[in-house]
Amino acid sequence: MVVKQGAVYFMFAEGRGDVAHLLVSTDGIGWTRRGPLDVRLANGKKIPAGPYGTPTGYYENGTWYLFYERRMRGSGWPPHATC
């Protein structure tokens, strides 16, 4: 998913091993990797190994929100984080 905030594009994407990554661009063509995202459950614990879903991010009122489409065993809700 790509979101434009001001003059910068932000791409939230799956990387090697299905780990989410953040990439940025000023033209939407050339991208710079900012590294993996440390996505955690609402209780602060790391997401256990498993099939990660596609990250989706958006920006609202000065806060970035990151949502994951991932169904974990015993839970019908995807993990999410704010930055």
PDB file of N, CA and C in Angstrom:
ATOM      1  N   MET A   1       0.843  -1.165   0.000  1.00  0.00           N
ATOM      2  CA  MET A   1       0.000   0.000   0.000  1.00  0.00           C
ATOM      3  C   MET A   1       0.889   1.229   0.000  1.00  0.00           C
ATOM      4  N   VAL A   2       0.498   2.249  -0.771  1.00  0.00           N
ATOM      5  CA  VAL A   2       1.247   3.502  -0.841  1.00  0.00           C
ATOM      6  C   VAL A   2       0.348   4.640  -0.375  1.00  0.00           C
ATOM      7  N   VAL A   3       0.897   5.476   0.519  1.00  0.00           N
ATOM      8  CA  VAL A   3       0.181   6.646   1.041  1.00  0.00           C
ATOM      9  C   VAL A   3       1.074   7.856   0.832  1.00  0.00           C
ATOM     10  N   LYS A   4       0.503   8.963   0.323  1.00  0.00           N
ATOM     11  CA  LYS A   4       1.275  10.192   0.168  1.00  0.00           C
ATOM     12  C   LYS A   4       0.944  11.125   1.321  1.00  0.00           C
ATOM     13  N   GLN A   5       1.983  11.568   2.034  1.00  0.00           N
ATOM     14  CA  GLN A   5       1.828  12.515   3.131  1.00  0.00           C
ATOM     15  C   GLN A   5       2.739  13.693   2.818  1.00  0.00           C
ATOM     16  N   GLY A   6       2.149  14.846   2.509  1.00  0.00           N
ATOM     17  CA  GLY A   6       2.953  15.986   2.077  1.00  0.00           C
ATOM     18  C   GLY A   6       3.606  15.669   0.747  1.00  0.00           C
ATOM     19  N   ALA A   7       4.923  15.838   0.660  1.00  0.00           N
ATOM     20  CA  ALA A   7       5.657  15.588  -0.580  1.00  0.00           C
ATOM     21  C   ALA A   7       6.315  14.209  -0.606  1.00  0.00           C
ATOM     22  N   VAL A   8       5.996  13.365   0.362  1.00  0.00           N
ATOM     23  CA  VAL A   8       6.647  12.057   0.471  1.00  0.00           C
ATOM     24  C   VAL A   8       5.633  10.927   0.343  1.00  0.00           C
ATOM     25  N   TYR A   9       6.008   9.906  -0.436  1.00  0.00           N
ATOM     26  CA  TYR A   9       5.213   8.688  -0.551  1.00  0.00           C
ATOM     27  C   TYR A   9       5.749   7.668   0.452  1.00  0.00           C
ATOM     28  N   PHE A  10       4.856   6.970   1.121  1.00  0.00           N
ATOM     29  CA  PHE A  10       5.216   5.922   2.071  1.00  0.00           C
ATOM     30  C   PHE A  10       4.617   4.610   1.581  1.00  0.00           C
ATOM     31  N   MET A  11       5.458   3.586   1.448  1.00  0.00           N
ATOM     32  CA  MET A  11       4.980   2.280   1.012  1.00  0.00           C
ATOM     33  C   MET A  11       5.110   1.285   2.167  1.00  0.00           C
ATOM     34  N   PHE A  12       4.004   0.630   2.483  1.00  0.00           N
ATOM     35  CA  PHE A  12       3.980  -0.427   3.485  1.00  0.00           C
ATOM     36  C   PHE A  12       3.882  -1.730   2.710  1.00  0.00           C
ATOM     37  N   ALA A  13       4.885  -2.589   2.846  1.00  0.00           N
ATOM     38  CA  ALA A  13       4.940  -3.780   2.001  1.00  0.00           C
ATOM     39  C   ALA A  13       5.478  -4.975   2.773  1.00  0.00           C
ATOM     40  N   GLU A  14       5.132  -6.170   2.282  1.00  0.00           N
ATOM     41  CA  GLU A  14       5.706  -7.395   2.837  1.00  0.00           C
ATOM     42  C   GLU A  14       7.107  -7.563   2.285  1.00  0.00           C
ATOM     43  N   GLY A  15       8.010  -8.000   3.139  1.00  0.00           N
ATOM     44  CA  GLY A  15       9.378  -8.244   2.711  1.00  0.00           C
ATOM     45  C   GLY A  15       9.731  -9.711   2.856  1.00  0.00           C
ATOM     46  N   ARG A  16      11.001  -9.983   2.797  1.00  0.00           N
ATOM     47  CA  ARG A  16      11.504 -11.348   2.934  1.00  0.00           C
ATOM     48  C   ARG A  16      10.992 -11.967   4.228  1.00  0.00           C
ATOM     49  N   GLY A  17      10.526 -13.202   4.155  1.00  0.00           N
ATOM     50  CA  GLY A  17       9.999 -13.881   5.331  1.00  0.00           C
ATOM     51  C   GLY A  17       8.645 -13.352   5.770  1.00  0.00           C
ATOM     52  N   ASP A  18       7.962 -12.652   4.885  1.00  0.00           N
ATOM     53  CA  ASP A  18       6.652 -12.057   5.175  1.00  0.00           C
ATOM     54  C   ASP A  18       6.695 -11.068   6.329  1.00  0.00           C
ATOM     55  N   VAL A  19       7.815 -10.350   6.474  1.00  0.00           N
ATOM     56  CA  VAL A  19       7.943  -9.304   7.484  1.00  0.00           C
ATOM     57  C   VAL A  19       7.628  -7.970   6.818  1.00  0.00           C
ATOM     58  N   ALA A  20       6.813  -7.144   7.477  1.00  0.00           N
ATOM     59  CA  ALA A  20       6.429  -5.850   6.908  1.00  0.00           C
ATOM     60  C   ALA A  20       7.611  -4.889   6.892  1.00  0.00           C
ATOM     61  N   HIS A  21       7.683  -4.092   5.836  1.00  0.00           N
ATOM     62  CA  HIS A  21       8.747  -3.099   5.679  1.00  0.00           C
ATOM     63  C   HIS A  21       8.149  -1.758   5.284  1.00  0.00           C
ATOM     64  N   LEU A  22       8.894  -0.692   5.576  1.00  0.00           N
ATOM     65  CA  LEU A  22       8.525   0.660   5.168  1.00  0.00           C
ATOM     66  C   LEU A  22       9.542   1.148   4.152  1.00  0.00           C
ATOM     67  N   LEU A  23       9.042   1.705   3.045  1.00  0.00           N
ATOM     68  CA  LEU A  23       9.881   2.323   2.031  1.00  0.00           C
ATOM     69  C   LEU A  23       9.349   3.731   1.795  1.00  0.00           C
ATOM     70  N   VAL A  24      10.226   4.682   1.436  1.00  0.00           N
ATOM     71  CA  VAL A  24       9.802   6.055   1.178  1.00  0.00           C
ATOM     72  C   VAL A  24      10.323   6.515  -0.177  1.00  0.00           C
ATOM     73  N   SER A  25       9.608   7.499  -0.767  1.00  0.00           N
ATOM     74  CA  SER A  25       9.979   8.024  -2.073  1.00  0.00           C
ATOM     75  C   SER A  25       9.470   9.455  -2.200  1.00  0.00           C
ATOM     76  N   THR A  26      10.191  10.269  -2.957  1.00  0.00           N
ATOM     77  CA  THR A  26       9.714  11.623  -3.237  1.00  0.00           C
ATOM     78  C   THR A  26       9.083  11.725  -4.621  1.00  0.00           C
ATOM     79  N   ASP A  27       9.280  10.698  -5.458  1.00  0.00           N
ATOM     80  CA  ASP A  27       8.713  10.737  -6.804  1.00  0.00           C
ATOM     81  C   ASP A  27       7.806   9.549  -7.132  1.00  0.00           C
ATOM     82  N   GLY A  28       7.701   8.575  -6.225  1.00  0.00           N
ATOM     83  CA  GLY A  28       6.865   7.407  -6.469  1.00  0.00           C
ATOM     84  C   GLY A  28       7.500   6.388  -7.398  1.00  0.00           C
ATOM     85  N   ILE A  29       8.746   6.634  -7.802  1.00  0.00           N
ATOM     86  CA  ILE A  29       9.449   5.716  -8.707  1.00  0.00           C
ATOM     87  C   ILE A  29      10.656   5.089  -8.009  1.00  0.00           C
ATOM     88  N   GLY A  30      11.545   5.915  -7.490  1.00  0.00           N
ATOM     89  CA  GLY A  30      12.713   5.430  -6.754  1.00  0.00           C
ATOM     90  C   GLY A  30      12.386   5.344  -5.272  1.00  0.00           C
ATOM     91  N   TRP A  31      12.648   4.192  -4.667  1.00  0.00           N
ATOM     92  CA  TRP A  31      12.270   3.961  -3.270  1.00  0.00           C
ATOM     93  C   TRP A  31      13.492   3.698  -2.400  1.00  0.00           C
ATOM     94  N   THR A  32      13.442   4.192  -1.153  1.00  0.00           N
ATOM     95  CA  THR A  32      14.484   3.955  -0.158  1.00  0.00           C
ATOM     96  C   THR A  32      13.894   3.117   0.960  1.00  0.00           C
ATOM     97  N   ARG A  33      14.558   2.014   1.274  1.00  0.00           N
ATOM     98  CA  ARG A  33      14.075   1.150   2.359  1.00  0.00           C
ATOM     99  C   ARG A  33      14.403   1.785   3.704  1.00  0.00           C
ATOM    100  N   ARG A  34      13.410   1.824   4.570  1.00  0.00           N
ATOM    101  CA  ARG A  34      13.601   2.336   5.927  1.00  0.00           C
ATOM    102  C   ARG A  34      13.703   1.204   6.937  1.00  0.00           C
ATOM    103  N   GLY A  35      13.514  -0.016   6.475  1.00  0.00           N
ATOM    104  CA  GLY A  35      13.684  -1.169   7.346  1.00  0.00           C
ATOM    105  C   GLY A  35      12.390  -1.857   7.707  1.00  0.00           C
ATOM    106  N   PRO A  36      12.521  -2.949   8.470  1.00  0.00           N
ATOM    107  CA  PRO A  36      11.335  -3.697   8.890  1.00  0.00           C
ATOM    108  C   PRO A  36      10.550  -2.926   9.939  1.00  0.00           C
ATOM    109  N   LEU A  37       9.259  -3.176   9.979  1.00  0.00           N
ATOM    110  CA  LEU A  37       8.385  -2.562  10.979  1.00  0.00           C
ATOM    111  C   LEU A  37       8.242  -3.506  12.164  1.00  0.00           C
ATOM    112  N   ASP A  38       8.346  -2.975  13.347  1.00  0.00           N
ATOM    113  CA  ASP A  38       8.206  -3.757  14.577  1.00  0.00           C
ATOM    114  C   ASP A  38       6.727  -3.748  14.964  1.00  0.00           C
ATOM    115  N   VAL A  39       5.974  -4.678  14.407  1.00  0.00           N
ATOM    116  CA  VAL A  39       4.530  -4.748  14.653  1.00  0.00           C
ATOM    117  C   VAL A  39       4.281  -5.602  15.886  1.00  0.00           C
ATOM    118  N   ARG A  40       3.465  -5.080  16.787  1.00  0.00           N
ATOM    119  CA  ARG A  40       3.176  -5.790  18.036  1.00  0.00           C
ATOM    120  C   ARG A  40       1.672  -5.879  18.251  1.00  0.00           C
ATOM    121  N   LEU A  41       1.296  -6.821  19.094  1.00  0.00           N
ATOM    122  CA  LEU A  41      -0.103  -6.974  19.484  1.00  0.00           C
ATOM    123  C   LEU A  41      -0.481  -5.827  20.424  1.00  0.00           C
ATOM    124  N   ALA A  42      -1.768  -5.655  20.672  1.00  0.00           N
ATOM    125  CA  ALA A  42      -2.242  -4.581  21.541  1.00  0.00           C
ATOM    126  C   ALA A  42      -1.643  -4.673  22.943  1.00  0.00           C
ATOM    127  N   ASN A  43      -1.259  -5.872  23.368  1.00  0.00           N
ATOM    128  CA  ASN A  43      -0.670  -6.041  24.701  1.00  0.00           C
ATOM    129  C   ASN A  43       0.842  -5.796  24.706  1.00  0.00           C
ATOM    130  N   GLY A  44       1.415  -5.404  23.566  1.00  0.00           N
ATOM    131  CA  GLY A  44       2.832  -5.090  23.477  1.00  0.00           C
ATOM    132  C   GLY A  44       3.733  -6.245  23.096  1.00  0.00           C
ATOM    133  N   LYS A  45       3.185  -7.449  23.028  1.00  0.00           N
ATOM    134  CA  LYS A  45       3.997  -8.616  22.667  1.00  0.00           C
ATOM    135  C   LYS A  45       4.221  -8.665  21.159  1.00  0.00           C
ATOM    136  N   LYS A  46       5.373  -9.244  20.768  1.00  0.00           N
ATOM    137  CA  LYS A  46       5.656  -9.410  19.344  1.00  0.00           C
ATOM    138  C   LYS A  46       4.678 -10.402  18.727  1.00  0.00           C
ATOM    139  N   ILE A  47       4.415 -10.224  17.444  1.00  0.00           N
ATOM    140  CA  ILE A  47       3.558 -11.155  16.726  1.00  0.00           C
ATOM    141  C   ILE A  47       4.319 -12.471  16.581  1.00  0.00           C
ATOM    142  N   PRO A  48       3.699 -13.596  16.940  1.00  0.00           N
ATOM    143  CA  PRO A  48       4.396 -14.874  16.806  1.00  0.00           C
ATOM    144  C   PRO A  48       4.637 -15.216  15.334  1.00  0.00           C
ATOM    145  N   ALA A  49       5.598 -16.085  15.108  1.00  0.00           N
ATOM    146  CA  ALA A  49       5.897 -16.510  13.740  1.00  0.00           C
ATOM    147  C   ALA A  49       4.647 -17.081  13.096  1.00  0.00           C
ATOM    148  N   GLY A  50       4.474 -16.796  11.836  1.00  0.00           N
ATOM    149  CA  GLY A  50       3.298 -17.282  11.129  1.00  0.00           C
ATOM    150  C   GLY A  50       3.087 -16.504   9.854  1.00  0.00           C
ATOM    151  N   PRO A  51       1.963 -16.731   9.205  1.00  0.00           N
ATOM    152  CA  PRO A  51       1.677 -16.059   7.945  1.00  0.00           C
ATOM    153  C   PRO A  51       1.252 -14.606   8.173  1.00  0.00           C
ATOM    154  N   TYR A  52       2.144 -13.690   7.946  1.00  0.00           N
ATOM    155  CA  TYR A  52       1.810 -12.269   8.108  1.00  0.00           C
ATOM    156  C   TYR A  52       0.926 -11.842   6.953  1.00  0.00           C
ATOM    157  N   GLY A  53       0.077 -10.878   7.201  1.00  0.00           N
ATOM    158  CA  GLY A  53      -0.788 -10.363   6.151  1.00  0.00           C
ATOM    159  C   GLY A  53      -0.196  -9.113   5.545  1.00  0.00           C
ATOM    160  N   THR A  54      -0.898  -8.567   4.607  1.00  0.00           N
ATOM    161  CA  THR A  54      -0.446  -7.358   3.938  1.00  0.00           C
ATOM    162  C   THR A  54      -0.664  -6.149   4.837  1.00  0.00           C
ATOM    163  N   PRO A  55       0.375  -5.329   5.075  1.00  0.00           N
ATOM    164  CA  PRO A  55       0.211  -4.149   5.915  1.00  0.00           C
ATOM    165  C   PRO A  55      -0.544  -3.049   5.183  1.00  0.00           C
ATOM    166  N   THR A  56      -1.355  -2.324   5.911  1.00  0.00           N
ATOM    167  CA  THR A  56      -2.111  -1.198   5.386  1.00  0.00           C
ATOM    168  C   THR A  56      -1.908  -0.028   6.332  1.00  0.00           C
ATOM    169  N   GLY A  57      -1.492   1.114   5.811  1.00  0.00           N
ATOM    170  CA  GLY A  57      -1.252   2.257   6.676  1.00  0.00           C
ATOM    171  C   GLY A  57      -2.010   3.486   6.213  1.00  0.00           C
ATOM    172  N   TYR A  58      -2.337   4.347   7.167  1.00  0.00           N
ATOM    173  CA  TYR A  58      -2.895   5.648   6.817  1.00  0.00           C
ATOM    174  C   TYR A  58      -2.529   6.670   7.879  1.00  0.00           C
ATOM    175  N   TYR A  59      -2.620   7.949   7.501  1.00  0.00           N
ATOM    176  CA  TYR A  59      -2.216   9.060   8.348  1.00  0.00           C
ATOM    177  C   TYR A  59      -3.432   9.923   8.636  1.00  0.00           C
ATOM    178  N   GLU A  60      -3.646  10.244   9.911  1.00  0.00           N
ATOM    179  CA  GLU A  60      -4.797  11.071  10.277  1.00  0.00           C
ATOM    180  C   GLU A  60      -4.463  11.884  11.526  1.00  0.00           C
ATOM    181  N   ASN A  61      -4.692  13.180  11.452  1.00  0.00           N
ATOM    182  CA  ASN A  61      -4.504  14.082  12.593  1.00  0.00           C
ATOM    183  C   ASN A  61      -3.147  13.913  13.273  1.00  0.00           C
ATOM    184  N   GLY A  62      -2.076  13.816  12.489  1.00  0.00           N
ATOM    185  CA  GLY A  62      -0.732  13.741  13.038  1.00  0.00           C
ATOM    186  C   GLY A  62      -0.278  12.371  13.507  1.00  0.00           C
ATOM    187  N   THR A  63      -1.082  11.349  13.278  1.00  0.00           N
ATOM    188  CA  THR A  63      -0.737   9.996  13.720  1.00  0.00           C
ATOM    189  C   THR A  63      -0.803   9.022  12.556  1.00  0.00           C
ATOM    190  N   TRP A  64       0.236   8.181  12.430  1.00  0.00           N
ATOM    191  CA  TRP A  64       0.222   7.093  11.466  1.00  0.00           C
ATOM    192  C   TRP A  64      -0.431   5.880  12.102  1.00  0.00           C
ATOM    193  N   TYR A  65      -1.258   5.181  11.336  1.00  0.00           N
ATOM    194  CA  TYR A  65      -1.901   3.944  11.783  1.00  0.00           C
ATOM    195  C   TYR A  65      -1.485   2.827  10.834  1.00  0.00           C
ATOM    196  N   LEU A  66      -1.122   1.696  11.399  1.00  0.00           N
ATOM    197  CA  LEU A  66      -0.723   0.538  10.607  1.00  0.00           C
ATOM    198  C   LEU A  66      -1.607  -0.633  11.002  1.00  0.00           C
ATOM    199  N   PHE A  67      -2.267  -1.222  10.026  1.00  0.00           N
ATOM    200  CA  PHE A  67      -3.134  -2.376  10.265  1.00  0.00           C
ATOM    201  C   PHE A  67      -2.621  -3.567   9.469  1.00  0.00           C
ATOM    202  N   TYR A  68      -2.813  -4.740  10.031  1.00  0.00           N
ATOM    203  CA  TYR A  68      -2.420  -5.982   9.377  1.00  0.00           C
ATOM    204  C   TYR A  68      -3.645  -6.832   9.125  1.00  0.00           C
ATOM    205  N   GLU A  69      -3.714  -7.391   7.919  1.00  0.00           N
ATOM    206  CA  GLU A  69      -4.754  -8.369   7.613  1.00  0.00           C
ATOM    207  C   GLU A  69      -4.166  -9.734   7.931  1.00  0.00           C
ATOM    208  N   ARG A  70      -4.329 -10.145   9.151  1.00  0.00           N
ATOM    209  CA  ARG A  70      -3.777 -11.443   9.563  1.00  0.00           C
ATOM    210  C   ARG A  70      -4.695 -12.066  10.587  1.00  0.00           C
ATOM    211  N   ARG A  71      -5.132 -13.235  10.302  1.00  0.00           N
ATOM    212  CA  ARG A  71      -5.991 -13.939  11.255  1.00  0.00           C
ATOM    213  C   ARG A  71      -5.118 -14.866  12.083  1.00  0.00           C
ATOM    214  N   MET A  72      -5.061 -14.596  13.374  1.00  0.00           N
ATOM    215  CA  MET A  72      -4.264 -15.419  14.273  1.00  0.00           C
ATOM    216  C   MET A  72      -5.161 -16.453  14.927  1.00  0.00           C
ATOM    217  N   ARG A  73      -4.594 -17.579  15.252  1.00  0.00           N
ATOM    218  CA  ARG A  73      -5.359 -18.650  15.889  1.00  0.00           C
ATOM    219  C   ARG A  73      -6.027 -18.122  17.151  1.00  0.00           C
ATOM    220  N   GLY A  74      -7.350 -18.297  17.230  1.00  0.00           N
ATOM    221  CA  GLY A  74      -8.094 -17.878  18.408  1.00  0.00           C
ATOM    222  C   GLY A  74      -8.474 -16.413  18.418  1.00  0.00           C
ATOM    223  N   SER A  75      -8.152 -15.676  17.364  1.00  0.00           N
ATOM    224  CA  SER A  75      -8.458 -14.247  17.335  1.00  0.00           C
ATOM    225  C   SER A  75      -8.993 -13.872  15.967  1.00  0.00           C
ATOM    226  N   GLY A  76     -10.104 -13.167  15.945  1.00  0.00           N
ATOM    227  CA  GLY A  76     -10.674 -12.734  14.682  1.00  0.00           C
ATOM    228  C   GLY A  76     -10.240 -11.339  14.279  1.00  0.00           C
ATOM    229  N   TRP A  77      -9.433 -10.655  15.127  1.00  0.00           N
ATOM    230  CA  TRP A  77      -9.044  -9.276  14.839  1.00  0.00           C
ATOM    231  C   TRP A  77      -7.580  -9.207  14.449  1.00  0.00           C
ATOM    232  N   PRO A  78      -7.250  -8.377  13.455  1.00  0.00           N
ATOM    233  CA  PRO A  78      -5.843  -8.237  13.083  1.00  0.00           C
ATOM    234  C   PRO A  78      -5.103  -7.348  14.075  1.00  0.00           C
ATOM    235  N   PRO A  79      -3.794  -7.563  14.263  1.00  0.00           N
ATOM    236  CA  PRO A  79      -2.998  -6.669  15.089  1.00  0.00           C
ATOM    237  C   PRO A  79      -2.919  -5.294  14.435  1.00  0.00           C
ATOM    238  N   HIS A  80      -2.718  -4.259  15.213  1.00  0.00           N
ATOM    239  CA  HIS A  80      -2.541  -2.919  14.669  1.00  0.00           C
ATOM    240  C   HIS A  80      -1.575  -2.143  15.546  1.00  0.00           C
ATOM    241  N   ALA A  81      -1.058  -1.059  15.003  1.00  0.00           N
ATOM    242  CA  ALA A  81      -0.123  -0.231  15.757  1.00  0.00           C
ATOM    243  C   ALA A  81      -0.300   1.215  15.341  1.00  0.00           C
ATOM    244  N   THR A  82       0.092   2.129  16.208  1.00  0.00           N
ATOM    245  CA  THR A  82       0.149   3.541  15.854  1.00  0.00           C
ATOM    246  C   THR A  82       1.576   4.013  16.040  1.00  0.00           C
ATOM    247  N   CYS A  83       1.972   5.030  15.264  1.00  0.00           N
ATOM    248  CA  CYS A  83       3.340   5.552  15.362  1.00  0.00           C
ATOM    249  C   CYS A  83       3.282   7.042  15.607  1.00  0.00           C
TER     250      CYS A  83
END
